[in-house]
Amino acid sequence: MTEFEISLKRYLLEHEMKQVEISKILNVSRSNISQAVKSDHITLNSMRKIVNAIDCDLEIVIKPKSE
């Protein structure tokens, strides 16, 4: 699971939302959202669109790898 997927799922769970709500806002299928979120190759642009759809900001943090 990617960090983006984990963070998004946590946010949706905490706010009682579903991916289908994002798909309706972005006018794409729920499966498109699901595939994008699970992808190891999701683009920054796609992450921004998803995060904007739920009225959030996207932060990218560079940190040392955990051991």
N, C-alpha and C. Protein backbone atom coordinates (compact mmCIF):
# COMPACT_ATOMS: atom_id res chain seq x y z
N MET A 1 0.84 -1.17 0.00
CA MET A 1 0.00 0.00 0.00
C MET A 1 0.89 1.25 0.00
N THR A 2 0.56 2.22 -0.82
CA THR A 2 1.36 3.44 -0.88
C THR A 2 1.00 4.37 0.28
N GLU A 3 1.91 5.29 0.58
CA GLU A 3 1.64 6.27 1.64
C GLU A 3 0.41 7.10 1.29
N PHE A 4 0.26 7.44 0.01
CA PHE A 4 -0.90 8.21 -0.41
C PHE A 4 -2.18 7.43 -0.15
N GLU A 5 -2.20 6.16 -0.52
CA GLU A 5 -3.38 5.33 -0.30
C GLU A 5 -3.72 5.22 1.18
N ILE A 6 -2.72 5.00 2.00
CA ILE A 6 -2.93 4.89 3.44
C ILE A 6 -3.51 6.19 4.00
N SER A 7 -2.90 7.31 3.62
CA SER A 7 -3.36 8.61 4.12
C SER A 7 -4.77 8.92 3.67
N LEU A 8 -5.06 8.65 2.40
CA LEU A 8 -6.40 8.93 1.88
C LEU A 8 -7.44 8.05 2.55
N LYS A 9 -7.15 6.77 2.69
CA LYS A 9 -8.11 5.87 3.34
C LYS A 9 -8.37 6.29 4.78
N ARG A 10 -7.32 6.69 5.48
CA ARG A 10 -7.47 7.15 6.86
C ARG A 10 -8.37 8.39 6.91
N TYR A 11 -8.12 9.34 6.01
CA TYR A 11 -8.90 10.55 5.98
C TYR A 11 -10.38 10.23 5.68
N LEU A 12 -10.61 9.40 4.67
CA LEU A 12 -11.98 9.07 4.30
C LEU A 12 -12.70 8.38 5.45
N LEU A 13 -12.03 7.46 6.11
CA LEU A 13 -12.62 6.76 7.25
C LEU A 13 -12.96 7.73 8.37
N GLU A 14 -12.03 8.61 8.71
CA GLU A 14 -12.25 9.57 9.79
C GLU A 14 -13.38 10.55 9.48
N HIS A 15 -13.62 10.80 8.19
CA HIS A 15 -14.65 11.77 7.80
C HIS A 15 -15.88 11.10 7.19
N GLU A 16 -15.97 9.80 7.41
CA GLU A 16 -17.12 9.01 6.95
C GLU A 16 -17.45 9.29 5.48
N MET A 17 -16.41 9.21 4.66
CA MET A 17 -16.57 9.42 3.23
C MET A 17 -16.17 8.15 2.49
N LYS A 18 -16.57 8.07 1.24
CA LYS A 18 -16.24 6.94 0.38
C LYS A 18 -15.59 7.45 -0.90
N GLN A 19 -14.83 6.58 -1.54
CA GLN A 19 -14.20 6.95 -2.81
C GLN A 19 -15.23 7.33 -3.86
N VAL A 20 -16.42 6.78 -3.76
CA VAL A 20 -17.46 7.09 -4.74
C VAL A 20 -17.81 8.59 -4.71
N GLU A 21 -17.68 9.21 -3.56
CA GLU A 21 -17.94 10.66 -3.46
C GLU A 21 -16.89 11.43 -4.25
N ILE A 22 -15.65 11.00 -4.19
CA ILE A 22 -14.59 11.63 -4.96
C ILE A 22 -14.85 11.43 -6.45
N SER A 23 -15.25 10.23 -6.82
CA SER A 23 -15.50 9.94 -8.23
C SER A 23 -16.63 10.81 -8.79
N LYS A 24 -17.66 11.06 -7.99
CA LYS A 24 -18.76 11.92 -8.44
C LYS A 24 -18.29 13.35 -8.63
N ILE A 25 -17.48 13.84 -7.72
CA ILE A 25 -16.97 15.21 -7.81
C ILE A 25 -16.09 15.36 -9.06
N LEU A 26 -15.25 14.36 -9.32
CA LEU A 26 -14.32 14.42 -10.45
C LEU A 26 -14.93 13.91 -11.75
N ASN A 27 -16.16 13.39 -11.66
CA ASN A 27 -16.87 12.87 -12.83
C ASN A 27 -16.09 11.74 -13.52
N VAL A 28 -15.61 10.82 -12.70
CA VAL A 28 -14.95 9.61 -13.19
C VAL A 28 -15.52 8.42 -12.43
N SER A 29 -15.24 7.22 -12.88
CA SER A 29 -15.75 6.04 -12.19
C SER A 29 -15.01 5.81 -10.87
N ARG A 30 -15.69 5.15 -9.95
CA ARG A 30 -15.07 4.81 -8.68
C ARG A 30 -13.87 3.91 -8.91
N SER A 31 -13.96 3.03 -9.89
CA SER A 31 -12.84 2.13 -10.16
C SER A 31 -11.61 2.91 -10.65
N ASN A 32 -11.83 4.01 -11.38
CA ASN A 32 -10.69 4.85 -11.79
C ASN A 32 -9.99 5.45 -10.59
N ILE A 33 -10.78 5.91 -9.62
CA ILE A 33 -10.21 6.47 -8.39
C ILE A 33 -9.44 5.38 -7.65
N SER A 34 -10.06 4.23 -7.50
CA SER A 34 -9.44 3.13 -6.78
C SER A 34 -8.12 2.71 -7.43
N GLN A 35 -8.12 2.56 -8.74
CA GLN A 35 -6.90 2.18 -9.45
C GLN A 35 -5.80 3.23 -9.30
N ALA A 36 -6.18 4.50 -9.41
CA ALA A 36 -5.19 5.57 -9.28
C ALA A 36 -4.57 5.57 -7.89
N VAL A 37 -5.41 5.44 -6.88
CA VAL A 37 -4.95 5.49 -5.50
C VAL A 37 -4.02 4.32 -5.18
N LYS A 38 -4.31 3.15 -5.73
CA LYS A 38 -3.51 1.95 -5.46
C LYS A 38 -2.22 1.90 -6.27
N SER A 39 -2.13 2.74 -7.29
CA SER A 39 -0.98 2.67 -8.20
C SER A 39 0.30 3.18 -7.56
N ASP A 40 1.38 2.47 -7.81
CA ASP A 40 2.70 2.94 -7.38
C ASP A 40 3.17 4.09 -8.26
N HIS A 41 2.47 4.33 -9.34
CA HIS A 41 2.89 5.34 -10.31
C HIS A 41 1.87 6.48 -10.44
N ILE A 42 1.10 6.74 -9.40
CA ILE A 42 0.13 7.83 -9.45
C ILE A 42 0.89 9.15 -9.64
N THR A 43 0.34 9.99 -10.48
CA THR A 43 1.02 11.26 -10.75
C THR A 43 0.68 12.28 -9.67
N LEU A 44 1.55 13.25 -9.55
CA LEU A 44 1.31 14.34 -8.62
C LEU A 44 0.02 15.06 -8.99
N ASN A 45 -0.21 15.23 -10.27
CA ASN A 45 -1.42 15.88 -10.74
C ASN A 45 -2.68 15.11 -10.30
N SER A 46 -2.65 13.79 -10.40
CA SER A 46 -3.79 12.97 -9.96
C SER A 46 -4.00 13.07 -8.45
N MET A 47 -2.91 13.06 -7.70
CA MET A 47 -3.04 13.21 -6.25
C MET A 47 -3.67 14.56 -5.90
N ARG A 48 -3.23 15.61 -6.59
CA ARG A 48 -3.79 16.94 -6.34
C ARG A 48 -5.28 16.98 -6.63
N LYS A 49 -5.71 16.39 -7.74
CA LYS A 49 -7.13 16.39 -8.10
C LYS A 49 -7.95 15.68 -7.03
N ILE A 50 -7.47 14.53 -6.58
CA ILE A 50 -8.19 13.76 -5.56
C ILE A 50 -8.27 14.54 -4.26
N VAL A 51 -7.16 15.11 -3.85
CA VAL A 51 -7.10 15.86 -2.59
C VAL A 51 -7.96 17.12 -2.68
N ASN A 52 -7.93 17.80 -3.81
CA ASN A 52 -8.77 18.98 -3.99
C ASN A 52 -10.25 18.62 -3.94
N ALA A 53 -10.59 17.45 -4.45
CA ALA A 53 -11.99 17.01 -4.46
C ALA A 53 -12.56 16.86 -3.05
N ILE A 54 -11.69 16.56 -2.09
CA ILE A 54 -12.15 16.43 -0.70
C ILE A 54 -11.78 17.66 0.12
N ASP A 55 -11.46 18.74 -0.58
CA ASP A 55 -11.17 20.04 0.03
C ASP A 55 -10.02 19.96 1.05
N CYS A 56 -8.94 19.33 0.61
CA CYS A 56 -7.75 19.20 1.46
C CYS A 56 -6.53 19.73 0.72
N ASP A 57 -5.43 19.87 1.45
CA ASP A 57 -4.15 20.23 0.88
C ASP A 57 -3.28 18.99 0.80
N LEU A 58 -2.39 18.98 -0.16
CA LEU A 58 -1.45 17.89 -0.31
C LEU A 58 -0.08 18.37 0.14
N GLU A 59 0.55 17.62 1.04
CA GLU A 59 1.90 17.93 1.49
C GLU A 59 2.81 16.78 1.11
N ILE A 60 3.98 17.14 0.65
CA ILE A 60 4.99 16.12 0.34
C ILE A 60 6.15 16.36 1.30
N VAL A 61 6.53 15.31 2.00
CA VAL A 61 7.57 15.41 3.02
C VAL A 61 8.71 14.49 2.62
N ILE A 62 9.91 15.04 2.68
CA ILE A 62 11.10 14.23 2.45
C ILE A 62 11.72 13.96 3.82
N LYS A 63 11.90 12.69 4.11
CA LYS A 63 12.46 12.30 5.41
C LYS A 63 13.37 11.09 5.21
N PRO A 64 14.27 10.87 6.13
CA PRO A 64 15.14 9.69 6.02
C PRO A 64 14.31 8.41 6.05
N LYS A 65 14.78 7.42 5.35
CA LYS A 65 14.10 6.13 5.36
C LYS A 65 14.18 5.52 6.75
N SER A 66 13.08 4.92 7.16
CA SER A 66 13.11 4.26 8.47
C SER A 66 13.84 2.93 8.34
N GLU A 67 14.46 2.53 9.41
CA GLU A 67 15.27 1.30 9.36
C GLU A 67 14.45 0.10 9.68
